[in-house]
Amino acid sequence: MGMVQFNEKIIEELLKATNDEFPNEIYFSTDKNRYLKAYWIRIHSMKFGNILAKVHAIIEGNTIFITDENITGITVTIPPQVDKNLGEITINGNTVTIDDKDEIIFV
């Protein structure tokens, strides 16, 4: 059996890497009601009879733009890069102000 060599520096860098909890853009789709959360977005459930739920969310300045398909509702935890006093969420073309809230629920 051959010998396997590892570059210690590469292994250390991989172990230090972390996942960004609040990315500026999220593409999320699921075909199961079991997998409903992606970062700062949580789907309440899929609409009955649909096979795929989709959410696209992007932060631009203090505005969060969201489009969704085939979901019954969504909860948005406001990311730290958005000013809660000045921020807005536009979901499928409808805009609401954040008004210093930590999360916003849409049904």
N, C-alpha and C. Protein backbone atom coordinates (compact mmCIF):
# COMPACT_ATOMS: atom_id res chain seq x y z
N MET A 1 0.85 -1.18 0.00
CA MET A 1 0.00 0.00 0.00
C MET A 1 0.90 1.24 0.00
N GLY A 2 0.56 2.24 -0.82
CA GLY A 2 1.36 3.44 -0.95
C GLY A 2 1.24 4.38 0.24
N MET A 3 2.21 5.24 0.36
CA MET A 3 2.23 6.19 1.47
C MET A 3 1.45 7.46 1.07
N VAL A 4 0.62 7.98 1.97
CA VAL A 4 -0.15 9.19 1.71
C VAL A 4 0.52 10.35 2.42
N GLN A 5 0.74 11.43 1.70
CA GLN A 5 1.37 12.60 2.30
C GLN A 5 0.35 13.73 2.40
N PHE A 6 0.41 14.48 3.48
CA PHE A 6 -0.47 15.62 3.70
C PHE A 6 0.38 16.87 3.88
N ASN A 7 -0.06 17.94 3.30
CA ASN A 7 0.60 19.22 3.51
C ASN A 7 0.02 19.81 4.79
N GLU A 8 0.83 19.89 5.82
CA GLU A 8 0.38 20.33 7.14
C GLU A 8 -0.23 21.73 7.10
N LYS A 9 0.32 22.61 6.31
CA LYS A 9 -0.17 23.99 6.22
C LYS A 9 -1.59 24.02 5.62
N ILE A 10 -1.83 23.21 4.62
CA ILE A 10 -3.16 23.16 4.00
C ILE A 10 -4.18 22.60 4.99
N ILE A 11 -3.82 21.56 5.70
CA ILE A 11 -4.72 20.96 6.70
C ILE A 11 -5.06 21.99 7.78
N GLU A 12 -4.08 22.75 8.26
CA GLU A 12 -4.33 23.78 9.27
C GLU A 12 -5.29 24.84 8.76
N GLU A 13 -5.12 25.28 7.51
CA GLU A 13 -6.01 26.29 6.93
C GLU A 13 -7.44 25.75 6.80
N LEU A 14 -7.58 24.52 6.40
CA LEU A 14 -8.91 23.92 6.28
C LEU A 14 -9.60 23.82 7.64
N LEU A 15 -8.85 23.50 8.67
CA LEU A 15 -9.43 23.38 10.00
C LEU A 15 -9.81 24.74 10.59
N LYS A 16 -9.16 25.82 10.15
CA LYS A 16 -9.47 27.16 10.64
C LYS A 16 -10.69 27.77 9.94
N ALA A 17 -11.02 27.28 8.77
CA ALA A 17 -12.09 27.86 7.97
C ALA A 17 -13.44 27.72 8.69
N THR A 18 -14.24 28.76 8.61
CA THR A 18 -15.58 28.73 9.19
C THR A 18 -16.60 29.14 8.14
N ASN A 19 -17.83 28.78 8.39
CA ASN A 19 -18.93 29.12 7.50
C ASN A 19 -19.51 30.46 7.92
N ASP A 20 -19.74 31.36 6.99
CA ASP A 20 -20.33 32.66 7.28
C ASP A 20 -21.80 32.46 7.65
N GLU A 21 -22.17 32.82 8.87
CA GLU A 21 -23.55 32.65 9.33
C GLU A 21 -24.53 33.61 8.66
N PHE A 22 -24.01 34.74 8.17
CA PHE A 22 -24.86 35.77 7.60
C PHE A 22 -24.33 36.22 6.23
N PRO A 23 -24.38 35.33 5.23
CA PRO A 23 -23.91 35.73 3.91
C PRO A 23 -24.83 36.79 3.30
N ASN A 24 -24.30 37.57 2.37
CA ASN A 24 -25.09 38.62 1.72
C ASN A 24 -26.09 38.08 0.70
N GLU A 25 -25.91 36.84 0.28
CA GLU A 25 -26.83 36.26 -0.70
C GLU A 25 -27.07 34.79 -0.38
N ILE A 26 -28.34 34.40 -0.49
CA ILE A 26 -28.73 33.01 -0.22
C ILE A 26 -29.59 32.51 -1.38
N TYR A 27 -29.22 31.38 -1.94
CA TYR A 27 -30.07 30.62 -2.84
C TYR A 27 -30.43 29.35 -2.09
N PHE A 28 -31.71 29.12 -1.86
CA PHE A 28 -32.12 27.97 -1.07
C PHE A 28 -33.30 27.28 -1.73
N SER A 29 -33.21 25.99 -1.86
CA SER A 29 -34.35 25.21 -2.35
C SER A 29 -34.40 23.91 -1.58
N THR A 30 -35.61 23.40 -1.40
CA THR A 30 -35.78 22.14 -0.68
C THR A 30 -37.00 21.42 -1.24
N ASP A 31 -36.93 20.12 -1.19
CA ASP A 31 -38.08 19.32 -1.62
C ASP A 31 -38.69 18.57 -0.44
N LYS A 32 -38.24 18.91 0.78
CA LYS A 32 -38.74 18.25 1.98
C LYS A 32 -39.05 19.28 3.07
N ASN A 33 -40.11 19.05 3.82
CA ASN A 33 -40.42 19.93 4.95
C ASN A 33 -39.47 19.72 6.12
N ARG A 34 -38.55 18.81 5.99
CA ARG A 34 -37.57 18.56 7.03
C ARG A 34 -36.45 19.60 7.00
N TYR A 35 -36.10 20.08 5.81
CA TYR A 35 -34.99 21.01 5.65
C TYR A 35 -35.54 22.39 5.33
N LEU A 36 -35.72 23.22 6.37
CA LEU A 36 -36.43 24.48 6.20
C LEU A 36 -35.58 25.71 6.48
N LYS A 37 -34.34 25.54 6.93
CA LYS A 37 -33.53 26.70 7.33
C LYS A 37 -32.26 26.78 6.52
N ALA A 38 -31.94 28.01 6.11
CA ALA A 38 -30.67 28.30 5.46
C ALA A 38 -30.18 29.64 5.98
N TYR A 39 -29.15 29.61 6.80
CA TYR A 39 -28.55 30.82 7.36
C TYR A 39 -29.59 31.65 8.11
N TRP A 40 -29.94 32.82 7.63
CA TRP A 40 -30.85 33.72 8.34
C TRP A 40 -32.27 33.69 7.78
N ILE A 41 -32.58 32.66 6.99
CA ILE A 41 -33.90 32.46 6.40
C ILE A 41 -34.47 31.14 6.90
N ARG A 42 -35.75 31.15 7.32
CA ARG A 42 -36.41 29.90 7.71
C ARG A 42 -37.79 29.85 7.05
N ILE A 43 -38.00 28.81 6.26
CA ILE A 43 -39.30 28.58 5.62
C ILE A 43 -40.23 27.93 6.64
N HIS A 44 -41.49 28.34 6.68
CA HIS A 44 -42.44 27.72 7.60
C HIS A 44 -42.84 26.33 7.12
N SER A 45 -43.22 26.21 5.86
CA SER A 45 -43.47 24.91 5.25
C SER A 45 -43.70 25.10 3.75
N MET A 46 -43.70 24.00 3.04
CA MET A 46 -43.99 24.03 1.61
C MET A 46 -45.49 24.04 1.40
N LYS A 47 -45.92 24.70 0.32
CA LYS A 47 -47.34 24.65 -0.02
C LYS A 47 -47.70 23.23 -0.42
N PHE A 48 -48.89 22.80 -0.02
CA PHE A 48 -49.36 21.44 -0.30
C PHE A 48 -49.38 21.18 -1.81
N GLY A 49 -48.89 20.03 -2.19
CA GLY A 49 -48.94 19.62 -3.58
C GLY A 49 -47.76 20.06 -4.42
N ASN A 50 -46.85 20.85 -3.87
CA ASN A 50 -45.68 21.30 -4.61
C ASN A 50 -44.49 20.41 -4.29
N ILE A 51 -43.59 20.29 -5.26
CA ILE A 51 -42.46 19.40 -5.06
C ILE A 51 -41.16 20.12 -4.75
N LEU A 52 -41.15 21.46 -4.86
CA LEU A 52 -39.91 22.20 -4.60
C LEU A 52 -40.23 23.60 -4.10
N ALA A 53 -39.65 23.97 -2.96
CA ALA A 53 -39.75 25.32 -2.42
C ALA A 53 -38.43 26.04 -2.71
N LYS A 54 -38.52 27.32 -3.09
CA LYS A 54 -37.32 28.08 -3.42
C LYS A 54 -37.35 29.45 -2.75
N VAL A 55 -36.18 29.90 -2.32
CA VAL A 55 -36.02 31.24 -1.78
C VAL A 55 -34.69 31.80 -2.30
N HIS A 56 -34.74 33.05 -2.77
CA HIS A 56 -33.52 33.77 -3.11
C HIS A 56 -33.56 35.06 -2.30
N ALA A 57 -32.53 35.29 -1.50
CA ALA A 57 -32.45 36.49 -0.67
C ALA A 57 -31.10 37.16 -0.90
N ILE A 58 -31.12 38.48 -1.02
CA ILE A 58 -29.89 39.23 -1.22
C ILE A 58 -29.97 40.54 -0.42
N ILE A 59 -28.83 40.90 0.17
CA ILE A 59 -28.74 42.15 0.92
C ILE A 59 -28.04 43.18 0.05
N GLU A 60 -28.69 44.34 -0.11
CA GLU A 60 -28.09 45.47 -0.82
C GLU A 60 -28.24 46.69 0.07
N GLY A 61 -27.14 47.11 0.68
CA GLY A 61 -27.20 48.21 1.65
C GLY A 61 -27.99 47.78 2.87
N ASN A 62 -29.05 48.53 3.18
CA ASN A 62 -29.91 48.20 4.31
C ASN A 62 -31.24 47.60 3.87
N THR A 63 -31.27 47.08 2.65
CA THR A 63 -32.48 46.45 2.14
C THR A 63 -32.21 44.98 1.85
N ILE A 64 -33.15 44.14 2.30
CA ILE A 64 -33.10 42.71 2.00
C ILE A 64 -34.16 42.44 0.96
N PHE A 65 -33.76 41.91 -0.18
CA PHE A 65 -34.69 41.55 -1.25
C PHE A 65 -34.89 40.04 -1.23
N ILE A 66 -36.14 39.60 -1.21
CA ILE A 66 -36.45 38.17 -1.16
C ILE A 66 -37.49 37.84 -2.21
N THR A 67 -37.25 36.76 -2.93
CA THR A 67 -38.28 36.16 -3.78
C THR A 67 -38.44 34.72 -3.33
N ASP A 68 -39.68 34.25 -3.34
CA ASP A 68 -39.91 32.87 -2.92
C ASP A 68 -40.95 32.21 -3.81
N GLU A 69 -40.94 30.89 -3.78
CA GLU A 69 -41.91 30.09 -4.53
C GLU A 69 -42.33 28.90 -3.68
N ASN A 70 -43.63 28.64 -3.68
CA ASN A 70 -44.19 27.41 -3.10
C ASN A 70 -43.96 27.26 -1.59
N ILE A 71 -44.03 28.39 -0.85
CA ILE A 71 -43.91 28.30 0.60
C ILE A 71 -45.14 28.94 1.26
N THR A 72 -45.41 28.54 2.51
CA THR A 72 -46.56 29.08 3.24
C THR A 72 -46.19 30.31 4.06
N GLY A 73 -44.93 30.50 4.35
CA GLY A 73 -44.47 31.64 5.13
C GLY A 73 -42.97 31.57 5.32
N ILE A 74 -42.41 32.66 5.83
CA ILE A 74 -40.96 32.72 5.99
C ILE A 74 -40.63 33.61 7.19
N THR A 75 -39.60 33.24 7.93
CA THR A 75 -39.08 34.07 9.01
C THR A 75 -37.68 34.54 8.61
N VAL A 76 -37.45 35.84 8.74
CA VAL A 76 -36.16 36.42 8.41
C VAL A 76 -35.51 36.94 9.69
N THR A 77 -34.38 36.36 10.07
CA THR A 77 -33.58 36.89 11.17
C THR A 77 -32.71 37.98 10.57
N ILE A 78 -32.79 39.18 11.11
CA ILE A 78 -32.10 40.32 10.51
C ILE A 78 -30.59 40.17 10.70
N PRO A 79 -29.84 40.10 9.59
CA PRO A 79 -28.38 39.94 9.67
C PRO A 79 -27.73 41.20 10.27
N PRO A 80 -26.57 41.05 10.90
CA PRO A 80 -25.92 42.20 11.54
C PRO A 80 -25.46 43.28 10.57
N GLN A 81 -25.28 42.95 9.30
CA GLN A 81 -24.83 43.97 8.35
C GLN A 81 -25.96 44.90 7.91
N VAL A 82 -27.19 44.64 8.34
CA VAL A 82 -28.34 45.49 8.03
C VAL A 82 -28.68 46.32 9.26
N ASP A 83 -28.77 47.64 9.09
CA ASP A 83 -29.14 48.53 10.19
C ASP A 83 -30.63 48.35 10.48
N LYS A 84 -30.95 47.86 11.66
CA LYS A 84 -32.34 47.55 12.01
C LYS A 84 -33.22 48.79 12.09
N ASN A 85 -32.62 49.96 12.31
CA ASN A 85 -33.39 51.20 12.38
C ASN A 85 -33.71 51.77 11.00
N LEU A 86 -32.88 51.46 10.02
CA LEU A 86 -33.06 52.02 8.67
C LEU A 86 -33.48 50.97 7.65
N GLY A 87 -33.43 49.70 8.02
CA GLY A 87 -33.59 48.61 7.07
C GLY A 87 -35.01 48.36 6.60
N GLU A 88 -35.08 47.72 5.43
CA GLU A 88 -36.35 47.31 4.84
C GLU A 88 -36.19 45.90 4.29
N ILE A 89 -37.31 45.23 4.18
CA ILE A 89 -37.35 43.93 3.50
C ILE A 89 -38.37 44.04 2.39
N THR A 90 -37.95 43.69 1.19
CA THR A 90 -38.86 43.62 0.05
C THR A 90 -39.01 42.15 -0.31
N ILE A 91 -40.21 41.63 -0.13
CA ILE A 91 -40.47 40.22 -0.41
C ILE A 91 -41.52 40.12 -1.50
N ASN A 92 -41.14 39.54 -2.61
CA ASN A 92 -42.01 39.41 -3.77
C ASN A 92 -42.65 40.74 -4.15
N GLY A 93 -41.86 41.82 -4.05
CA GLY A 93 -42.33 43.15 -4.47
C GLY A 93 -43.00 43.97 -3.39
N ASN A 94 -43.30 43.41 -2.23
CA ASN A 94 -43.94 44.14 -1.13
C ASN A 94 -42.89 44.51 -0.09
N THR A 95 -42.84 45.80 0.29
CA THR A 95 -41.81 46.29 1.18
C THR A 95 -42.37 46.59 2.58
N VAL A 96 -41.62 46.16 3.60
CA VAL A 96 -41.92 46.50 4.99
C VAL A 96 -40.65 47.01 5.65
N THR A 97 -40.81 47.88 6.65
CA THR A 97 -39.65 48.37 7.39
C THR A 97 -39.34 47.41 8.53
N ILE A 98 -38.08 47.35 8.90
CA ILE A 98 -37.65 46.43 9.95
C ILE A 98 -38.00 46.97 11.33
N ASP A 99 -37.96 48.27 11.52
CA ASP A 99 -38.37 48.93 12.77
C ASP A 99 -37.71 48.34 14.02
N ASP A 100 -36.40 48.16 13.97
CA ASP A 100 -35.61 47.72 15.12
C ASP A 100 -35.97 46.33 15.64
N LYS A 101 -36.49 45.47 14.76
CA LYS A 101 -36.82 44.10 15.16
C LYS A 101 -35.64 43.17 14.86
N ASP A 102 -35.55 42.08 15.63
CA ASP A 102 -34.52 41.08 15.38
C ASP A 102 -34.91 40.09 14.31
N GLU A 103 -36.22 39.87 14.15
CA GLU A 103 -36.71 39.00 13.09
C GLU A 103 -38.08 39.46 12.64
N ILE A 104 -38.40 39.13 11.39
CA ILE A 104 -39.67 39.48 10.79
C ILE A 104 -40.30 38.19 10.28
N ILE A 105 -41.59 38.02 10.55
CA ILE A 105 -42.31 36.82 10.12
C ILE A 105 -43.32 37.21 9.05
N PHE A 106 -43.28 36.49 7.93
CA PHE A 106 -44.22 36.70 6.83
C PHE A 106 -45.07 35.43 6.69
N VAL A 107 -46.38 35.60 6.61
CA VAL A 107 -47.28 34.44 6.40
C VAL A 107 -48.18 34.70 5.22
